[in-house]
Amino acid sequence: MKTIKRLFILTLGVSMLIPNFIYAKSFKDLKKDGQYKWAYESVDSLSNKNILSGYEDGTFKPQRAVSFLEVLQIIKNIKNPSQELVQESLAKFETTAKNNSVPDWALEAVCYNLNINTITENTLKAAKDGGFLKDKNLTFPDRNSVTAYFARAFNIESSSDTSNLKHKDLDQVPDLVKGYLSTFVRLNIYADTGSNGYFNGKKHIRRAELAKISNSILNNIENGNIQSESMPSEDLKTDSLIPENNEIGTQNIKNARIDNININGKESIIYIEGRDYKFDIDTLLVDGAKISPYEINNILGKNYDISLVDGFVVQINRPKENQESDTVELTVKVLSYDENNMMVAIMISNNPKYASGSEIRLESRERFMAGDILQIRAKLIADHLEDLKIKKI
């Protein structure tokens, strides 16, 4: 499938330090029919407009967490201020920014967002103190904060009517953010149910999600739904709105996707929606039981509730709403096999979701040949086939 090819002019994050030239790249990790297909058109549109770009290695890294400085940079890119306004912003706030250890590549974005009241000087100080501006092991802003930053930057009003919100975790969303969230839903910037029913306000935002949000905001501006004027400073209802650093103590992450796992004893690493955490393979509990290094790959690509203590993952549990399952029995014909994946045609099925004559892709470490007939027994959990047992007949 053809990947996105765009001109690289503006690059977020560390890669902004490198290019002073223009050259074409391909986003090798973002495909129109891939895992992040829902963000493909947004990335395509923003890269066309030179608002968002990727990395020197030709990837977009859609799963990577977005930093505080990257959020401010994308806001500046979308609003595209005049050079006169940028210089005015630098004249007012460059000293403040440098005193708070803002790197050179982000000076214009930070000063501009201070000038238009996206953030305050107290926000910037809180960001520095909270580890949001560090080069390594930085803390990422959560969805509550990012929502507020975008609302302030684009003068999106907080709605007093939040009846359109259907998220299961609304009781954990601050009232101020809840009002913004309602307006974002009305403008089709956010979904009314969030990710799998949750807003997950204390989780970070991934680059793919940032692209989707940014493109939706830009569309609303172009359609006249958002005026994009700066918010007066007296309208700021909080001063810092920076999430507390929860690395110490107990932390729970709900309904998070497991992206990757590297096994190395007590120094094992698990990648959860673009961020890495340590765990001990000998003590980790998955659904209440210990798991071997060979079995742990079964949780890859799936959503779990994560429990951490002092920054270490100690428990991984299937979300309660996903624990009930149906047994699916299929007879299939293998159409093709490639790198632990096979495309099969369903011949016989006991579940209407998998109708006879339809084709599906399944994971299998056991290699099969085109034309093989297989019997498959699996659990249907949250619209995914899991715990596959495959027999060739």
Protein backbone atom coordinates (compact mmCIF):
# COMPACT_ATOMS: atom_id res chain seq x y z
CA MET A 1 0.00 0.00 0.00
CA LYS A 2 1.28 3.43 -0.89
CA THR A 3 2.66 5.38 2.08
CA ILE A 4 2.35 9.12 2.62
CA LYS A 5 5.03 11.15 0.81
CA ARG A 6 5.39 14.77 1.77
CA LEU A 7 7.85 17.67 1.93
CA PHE A 8 9.58 17.97 5.29
CA ILE A 9 9.76 21.63 6.31
CA LEU A 10 8.62 21.67 9.91
CA THR A 11 9.61 18.83 12.20
CA LEU A 12 8.36 18.36 15.74
CA GLY A 13 10.57 17.56 18.67
CA VAL A 14 14.27 16.76 18.56
CA SER A 15 14.29 16.48 14.77
CA MET A 16 13.57 20.21 14.55
CA LEU A 17 17.18 20.78 15.56
CA ILE A 18 18.52 19.20 12.37
CA PRO A 19 16.96 20.16 9.02
CA ASN A 20 17.44 23.59 7.44
CA PHE A 21 16.52 22.22 4.04
CA ILE A 22 13.60 20.61 2.24
CA TYR A 23 13.52 17.05 1.05
CA ALA A 24 10.93 14.36 0.38
CA LYS A 25 10.37 11.45 2.76
CA SER A 26 7.99 8.53 3.14
CA PHE A 27 6.27 7.74 6.41
CA LYS A 28 7.22 4.08 6.52
CA ASP A 29 5.12 3.37 9.61
CA LEU A 30 1.86 5.00 8.50
CA LYS A 31 -0.29 3.32 5.87
CA LYS A 32 -3.76 3.98 4.58
CA ASP A 33 -4.90 0.49 5.60
CA GLY A 34 -2.64 0.11 8.65
CA GLN A 35 -3.14 0.26 12.40
CA TYR A 36 -3.41 4.05 12.39
CA LYS A 37 -5.55 4.34 9.26
CA TRP A 38 -7.97 6.57 11.20
CA ALA A 39 -5.22 9.23 11.38
CA TYR A 40 -3.89 8.80 7.83
CA GLU A 41 -5.98 11.51 6.15
CA SER A 42 -5.25 13.99 8.95
CA VAL A 43 -1.50 13.45 8.72
CA ASP A 44 -1.76 13.64 4.93
CA SER A 45 -3.61 16.97 5.06
CA LEU A 46 -1.37 18.55 7.70
CA SER A 47 1.83 17.47 5.97
CA ASN A 48 0.47 18.87 2.69
CA LYS A 49 0.09 22.21 4.44
CA ASN A 50 3.57 21.99 6.02
CA ILE A 51 2.04 22.04 9.50
CA LEU A 52 3.14 18.61 10.69
CA SER A 53 6.01 16.38 9.68
CA GLY A 54 7.99 13.33 10.71
CA TYR A 55 11.46 12.15 11.60
CA GLU A 56 14.83 11.88 9.88
CA ASP A 57 14.49 8.09 9.53
CA GLY A 58 11.39 8.48 7.37
CA THR A 59 8.88 7.52 10.07
CA PHE A 60 6.00 9.43 11.61
CA LYS A 61 5.95 7.44 14.89
CA PRO A 62 2.16 7.71 15.34
CA GLN A 63 2.25 5.89 18.69
CA ARG A 64 4.79 8.22 20.31
CA ALA A 65 3.66 10.44 23.18
CA VAL A 66 3.52 14.17 22.45
CA SER A 67 5.56 16.52 24.63
CA PHE A 68 4.51 19.84 26.15
CA LEU A 69 6.77 21.75 23.74
CA GLU A 70 5.47 19.82 20.72
CA VAL A 71 1.89 20.79 21.61
CA LEU A 72 2.86 24.46 21.69
CA GLN A 73 4.75 24.07 18.40
CA ILE A 74 1.77 22.55 16.58
CA ILE A 75 -0.49 25.34 17.92
CA LYS A 76 1.91 27.92 16.49
CA ASN A 77 2.10 26.04 13.18
CA ILE A 78 -1.69 25.95 12.83
CA LYS A 79 -2.19 29.61 13.76
CA ASN A 80 0.71 30.67 11.51
CA PRO A 81 1.38 34.05 13.15
CA SER A 82 3.01 36.92 11.29
CA GLN A 83 6.73 37.46 11.75
CA GLU A 84 5.91 40.75 13.46
CA LEU A 85 3.83 38.93 16.10
CA VAL A 86 6.55 36.32 16.59
CA GLN A 87 9.15 39.03 17.15
CA GLU A 88 6.81 40.83 19.55
CA SER A 89 6.38 37.58 21.47
CA LEU A 90 10.14 37.02 21.66
CA ALA A 91 10.71 40.58 22.87
CA LYS A 92 8.23 40.04 25.70
CA PHE A 93 9.02 36.53 26.82
CA GLU A 94 12.38 35.26 25.51
CA THR A 95 14.15 35.96 28.81
CA THR A 96 11.38 34.18 30.74
CA ALA A 97 11.55 31.20 28.39
CA LYS A 98 15.33 30.89 28.65
CA ASN A 99 15.20 31.23 32.42
CA ASN A 100 12.93 28.18 32.40
CA SER A 101 15.34 26.14 30.24
CA VAL A 102 13.30 26.20 27.04
CA PRO A 103 15.52 24.90 24.19
CA ASP A 104 16.30 27.17 21.26
CA TRP A 105 14.15 25.24 18.78
CA ALA A 106 11.02 25.84 20.91
CA LEU A 107 11.63 29.50 21.90
CA GLU A 108 9.34 31.02 19.28
CA ALA A 109 6.51 28.57 20.01
CA VAL A 110 6.70 29.03 23.78
CA CYS A 111 6.94 32.83 23.60
CA TYR A 112 4.09 33.01 21.10
CA ASN A 113 1.82 30.84 23.26
CA LEU A 114 2.67 32.96 26.30
CA ASN A 115 1.76 36.05 24.31
CA ILE A 116 -1.64 34.72 23.20
CA ASN A 117 -2.41 33.27 26.66
CA THR A 118 -2.39 29.59 25.74
CA ILE A 119 -0.19 29.22 28.82
CA THR A 120 0.95 31.55 31.59
CA GLU A 121 4.39 32.09 33.09
CA ASN A 122 3.24 29.97 36.02
CA THR A 123 2.37 27.19 33.56
CA LEU A 124 5.88 27.34 32.14
CA LYS A 125 7.48 27.25 35.57
CA ALA A 126 5.29 24.30 36.56
CA ALA A 127 6.32 22.57 33.32
CA LYS A 128 10.00 23.03 34.15
CA ASP A 129 9.58 21.89 37.76
CA GLY A 130 7.50 18.88 36.66
CA GLY A 131 10.07 17.57 34.16
CA PHE A 132 8.11 18.51 31.02
CA LEU A 133 11.07 20.36 29.45
CA LYS A 134 13.82 17.79 30.04
CA ASP A 135 15.77 16.27 27.14
CA LYS A 136 15.44 12.72 28.50
CA ASN A 137 12.93 10.91 30.70
CA LEU A 138 10.57 13.84 30.38
CA THR A 139 7.02 13.97 31.69
CA PHE A 140 4.24 14.25 29.11
CA PRO A 141 1.16 16.49 29.35
CA ASP A 142 -2.09 14.64 29.83
CA ARG A 143 -5.29 14.90 27.77
CA ASN A 144 -6.92 17.24 30.29
CA SER A 145 -4.09 19.74 29.87
CA VAL A 146 -3.78 19.43 26.08
CA THR A 147 -7.53 19.97 25.70
CA ALA A 148 -7.29 23.17 27.74
CA TYR A 149 -4.25 24.41 25.77
CA PHE A 150 -6.04 23.99 22.44
CA ALA A 151 -9.22 25.60 23.81
CA ARG A 152 -7.30 28.64 25.05
CA ALA A 153 -5.21 28.99 21.91
CA PHE A 154 -8.22 28.90 19.59
CA ASN A 155 -10.71 30.68 21.86
CA ILE A 156 -12.98 27.65 22.13
CA GLU A 157 -15.57 28.35 24.80
CA SER A 158 -16.30 26.04 27.71
CA SER A 159 -19.89 24.79 27.51
CA SER A 160 -22.09 24.69 30.59
CA ASP A 161 -24.18 21.93 28.98
CA THR A 162 -22.24 18.65 29.07
CA SER A 163 -25.20 16.37 28.36
CA ASN A 164 -23.63 15.36 25.02
CA LEU A 165 -20.75 13.58 26.78
CA LYS A 166 -21.03 9.80 27.11
CA HIS A 167 -17.61 8.93 28.54
CA LYS A 168 -17.58 6.37 31.34
CA ASP A 169 -14.98 8.30 33.34
CA LEU A 170 -16.55 11.79 33.34
CA ASP A 171 -16.39 11.85 37.13
CA GLN A 172 -12.59 11.98 36.80
CA VAL A 173 -12.57 14.92 34.36
CA PRO A 174 -12.12 18.43 35.89
CA ASP A 175 -15.18 20.65 35.44
CA LEU A 176 -13.24 23.21 33.38
CA VAL A 177 -12.00 20.53 30.97
CA LYS A 178 -15.44 18.91 30.89
CA GLY A 179 -16.87 22.15 29.50
CA TYR A 180 -14.17 22.33 26.82
CA LEU A 181 -14.68 18.65 26.04
CA SER A 182 -18.39 19.23 25.42
CA THR A 183 -17.61 21.97 22.90
CA PHE A 184 -14.93 19.84 21.24
CA VAL A 185 -17.50 17.05 20.80
CA ARG A 186 -20.03 19.48 19.33
CA LEU A 187 -17.38 20.62 16.82
CA ASN A 188 -16.52 16.98 15.97
CA ILE A 189 -12.97 17.45 17.24
CA TYR A 190 -13.41 14.70 19.85
CA ALA A 191 -15.78 11.72 19.86
CA ASP A 192 -18.59 11.79 22.41
CA THR A 193 -17.52 8.41 23.82
CA GLY A 194 -13.75 8.84 23.65
CA SER A 195 -11.42 5.86 23.24
CA ASN A 196 -13.33 2.66 23.97
CA GLY A 197 -15.78 4.63 26.07
CA TYR A 198 -13.21 6.58 28.11
CA PHE A 199 -11.74 10.07 27.87
CA ASN A 200 -8.67 8.97 29.84
CA GLY A 201 -7.89 12.53 30.88
CA LYS A 202 -4.76 11.57 32.81
CA LYS A 203 -3.16 9.73 29.90
CA HIS A 204 -0.85 11.38 27.39
CA ILE A 205 -1.74 12.08 23.75
CA ARG A 206 -0.08 10.22 20.89
CA ARG A 207 1.18 11.86 17.69
CA ALA A 208 -1.58 10.19 15.66
CA GLU A 209 -4.22 11.64 18.00
CA LEU A 210 -2.58 15.07 17.89
CA ALA A 211 -2.76 14.99 14.09
CA LYS A 212 -6.46 14.07 14.19
CA ILE A 213 -7.27 16.83 16.71
CA SER A 214 -5.21 19.44 14.88
CA ASN A 215 -6.75 18.68 11.50
CA SER A 216 -10.27 18.84 12.96
CA ILE A 217 -9.52 22.23 14.52
CA LEU A 218 -8.09 23.49 11.23
CA ASN A 219 -11.22 22.33 9.38
CA ASN A 220 -13.41 24.16 11.89
CA ILE A 221 -11.36 27.33 11.38
CA GLU A 222 -11.67 27.06 7.61
CA ASN A 223 -15.43 26.51 7.93
CA GLY A 224 -15.84 29.55 10.20
CA ASN A 225 -16.83 27.55 13.30
CA ILE A 226 -13.78 28.73 15.24
CA GLN A 227 -12.59 32.34 15.08
CA SER A 228 -9.10 31.49 16.41
CA GLU A 229 -8.73 34.75 18.34
CA SER A 230 -6.54 34.88 21.44
CA MET A 231 -8.24 34.46 24.80
CA PRO A 232 -8.01 37.52 27.09
CA SER A 233 -5.85 36.85 30.13
CA GLU A 234 -8.70 37.59 32.54
CA ASP A 235 -10.61 34.63 31.09
CA LEU A 236 -7.95 32.15 32.21
CA LYS A 237 -9.58 30.12 34.96
CA THR A 238 -6.44 28.29 36.10
CA ASP A 239 -2.82 29.35 36.19
CA SER A 240 -0.84 26.21 35.53
CA LEU A 241 -3.05 23.26 34.56
CA ILE A 242 -0.04 20.98 34.45
CA PRO A 243 -0.65 17.39 35.60
CA GLU A 244 1.14 16.31 38.72
CA ASN A 245 4.06 13.96 38.21
CA ASN A 246 2.61 10.61 39.23
CA GLU A 247 5.79 8.60 38.73
CA ILE A 248 6.12 8.09 42.51
CA GLY A 249 3.50 6.05 44.34
CA THR A 250 0.61 4.10 42.87
CA GLN A 251 -0.64 4.89 39.39
CA ASN A 252 -3.38 3.29 37.30
CA ILE A 253 -3.73 3.58 33.54
CA LYS A 254 -7.08 2.48 32.17
CA ASN A 255 -7.74 0.71 28.89
CA ALA A 256 -4.25 1.28 27.43
CA ARG A 257 -2.84 -0.43 24.36
CA ILE A 258 0.28 -2.62 24.75
CA ASP A 259 2.52 -1.62 21.82
CA ASN A 260 5.69 -3.65 22.43
CA ILE A 261 7.60 -5.67 25.03
CA ASN A 262 11.33 -6.27 25.55
CA ILE A 263 12.17 -9.05 28.03
CA ASN A 264 15.28 -8.53 30.17
CA GLY A 265 14.58 -10.00 33.61
CA LYS A 266 14.00 -7.30 36.22
CA GLU A 267 14.84 -4.61 33.64
CA SER A 268 12.16 -5.64 31.13
CA ILE A 269 10.44 -2.85 29.21
CA ILE A 270 6.80 -2.57 28.16
CA TYR A 271 5.71 0.11 25.69
CA ILE A 272 2.25 1.44 26.45
CA GLU A 273 0.80 3.84 23.85
CA GLY A 274 4.17 5.33 22.96
CA ARG A 275 5.71 5.45 26.43
CA ASP A 276 8.03 2.87 28.00
CA TYR A 277 7.80 1.46 31.53
CA LYS A 278 9.94 -1.07 33.39
CA PHE A 279 8.69 -4.34 34.86
CA ASP A 280 10.04 -7.55 36.35
CA ILE A 281 9.05 -10.55 34.24
CA ASP A 282 9.36 -12.82 37.29
CA THR A 283 6.83 -10.89 39.41
CA LEU A 284 4.46 -9.34 36.83
CA LEU A 285 0.85 -10.46 37.17
CA VAL A 286 -1.40 -10.63 34.10
CA ASP A 287 -5.08 -11.15 34.91
CA GLY A 288 -4.00 -12.19 38.41
CA ALA A 289 -1.45 -14.84 37.40
CA LYS A 290 2.25 -14.94 36.64
CA ILE A 291 3.14 -15.22 32.98
CA SER A 292 6.12 -16.72 31.20
CA PRO A 293 8.34 -14.81 28.73
CA TYR A 294 6.86 -16.98 25.99
CA GLU A 295 3.25 -16.20 26.88
CA ILE A 296 3.55 -12.47 27.42
CA ASN A 297 3.50 -11.69 23.69
CA ASN A 298 -0.16 -12.74 23.73
CA ILE A 299 -1.04 -9.34 25.23
CA LEU A 300 0.58 -7.33 22.42
CA GLY A 301 -1.73 -5.02 20.50
CA LYS A 302 -4.51 -5.36 23.08
CA ASN A 303 -5.94 -2.98 25.65
CA TYR A 304 -5.45 -3.56 29.37
CA ASP A 305 -5.72 -1.74 32.69
CA ILE A 306 -2.19 -1.12 33.97
CA SER A 307 -1.15 -0.80 37.64
CA LEU A 308 2.21 0.82 38.48
CA VAL A 309 4.09 1.29 41.73
CA ASP A 310 6.89 3.87 41.76
CA GLY A 311 6.91 3.86 37.95
CA PHE A 312 7.14 0.04 37.62
CA VAL A 313 4.36 -2.02 36.04
CA VAL A 314 3.23 -4.64 38.56
CA GLN A 315 -0.17 -5.77 37.25
CA ILE A 316 -1.89 -5.94 33.87
CA ASN A 317 -5.58 -6.78 33.84
CA ARG A 318 -8.12 -7.08 31.09
CA PRO A 319 -10.73 -4.28 31.44
CA LYS A 320 -13.81 -5.60 33.21
CA GLU A 321 -16.10 -4.85 30.29
CA ASN A 322 -13.87 -7.00 28.06
CA GLN A 323 -13.65 -10.05 30.30
CA GLU A 324 -16.80 -11.79 29.16
CA SER A 325 -16.24 -13.81 26.02
CA ASP A 326 -17.99 -16.01 23.49
CA THR A 327 -16.43 -19.11 21.99
CA VAL A 328 -16.05 -18.90 18.23
CA GLU A 329 -15.58 -22.03 16.12
CA LEU A 330 -14.55 -21.67 12.50
CA THR A 331 -13.53 -23.82 9.58
CA VAL A 332 -11.37 -21.77 7.22
CA LYS A 333 -9.27 -22.06 4.09
CA VAL A 334 -5.84 -20.40 4.09
CA LEU A 335 -5.49 -17.87 1.27
CA SER A 336 -2.00 -16.57 2.09
CA TYR A 337 0.58 -16.54 4.88
CA ASP A 338 3.19 -13.86 5.61
CA GLU A 339 5.25 -13.08 8.72
CA ASN A 340 3.06 -14.71 11.38
CA ASN A 341 -0.14 -13.48 9.69
CA MET A 342 -2.47 -15.36 7.43
CA MET A 343 -5.47 -14.38 5.37
CA VAL A 344 -8.24 -16.97 5.52
CA ALA A 345 -11.64 -17.46 3.93
CA ILE A 346 -14.37 -18.57 6.33
CA MET A 347 -16.16 -21.74 5.25
CA ILE A 348 -18.17 -22.64 8.37
CA SER A 349 -18.89 -20.41 11.39
CA ASN A 350 -20.94 -20.57 14.58
CA ASN A 351 -20.92 -16.77 14.98
CA PRO A 352 -22.75 -14.30 12.69
CA LYS A 353 -19.91 -11.79 13.12
CA TYR A 354 -17.75 -14.15 11.04
CA ALA A 355 -20.04 -15.05 8.18
CA SER A 356 -19.30 -17.85 5.74
CA GLY A 357 -17.64 -16.50 2.60
CA SER A 358 -15.97 -13.56 4.36
CA GLU A 359 -12.21 -13.14 4.70
CA ILE A 360 -10.26 -12.24 7.85
CA ARG A 361 -6.63 -11.91 8.89
CA LEU A 362 -5.34 -13.97 11.80
CA GLU A 363 -2.06 -14.14 13.72
CA SER A 364 -0.29 -17.49 13.85
CA ARG A 365 3.29 -18.42 14.66
CA GLU A 366 2.68 -21.82 13.09
CA ARG A 367 3.19 -21.63 9.34
CA PHE A 368 0.45 -22.83 6.99
CA MET A 369 0.25 -23.06 3.22
CA ALA A 370 -2.31 -21.57 0.86
CA GLY A 371 -5.12 -24.08 0.42
CA ASP A 372 -4.80 -25.62 3.92
CA ILE A 373 -8.10 -26.25 5.70
CA LEU A 374 -8.07 -25.34 9.39
CA GLN A 375 -10.38 -25.71 12.34
CA ILE A 376 -10.16 -22.74 14.71
CA ARG A 377 -11.52 -22.37 18.21
CA ALA A 378 -11.11 -18.95 19.87
CA LYS A 379 -12.55 -16.52 22.40
CA LEU A 380 -14.31 -13.41 21.13
CA ILE A 381 -13.33 -10.61 23.50
CA ALA A 382 -14.11 -6.96 22.73
CA ASP A 383 -14.57 -7.79 19.03
CA HIS A 384 -11.19 -9.55 18.84
CA LEU A 385 -10.41 -13.26 18.48
CA GLU A 386 -8.07 -14.31 21.27
CA ASP A 387 -6.52 -17.55 22.58
CA LEU A 388 -6.67 -19.15 19.16
CA LYS A 389 -6.41 -22.94 18.98
CA ILE A 390 -5.72 -24.04 15.40
CA LYS A 391 -5.87 -27.57 13.99
CA LYS A 392 -5.10 -28.52 10.40
CA ILE A 393 -7.56 -31.01 8.86
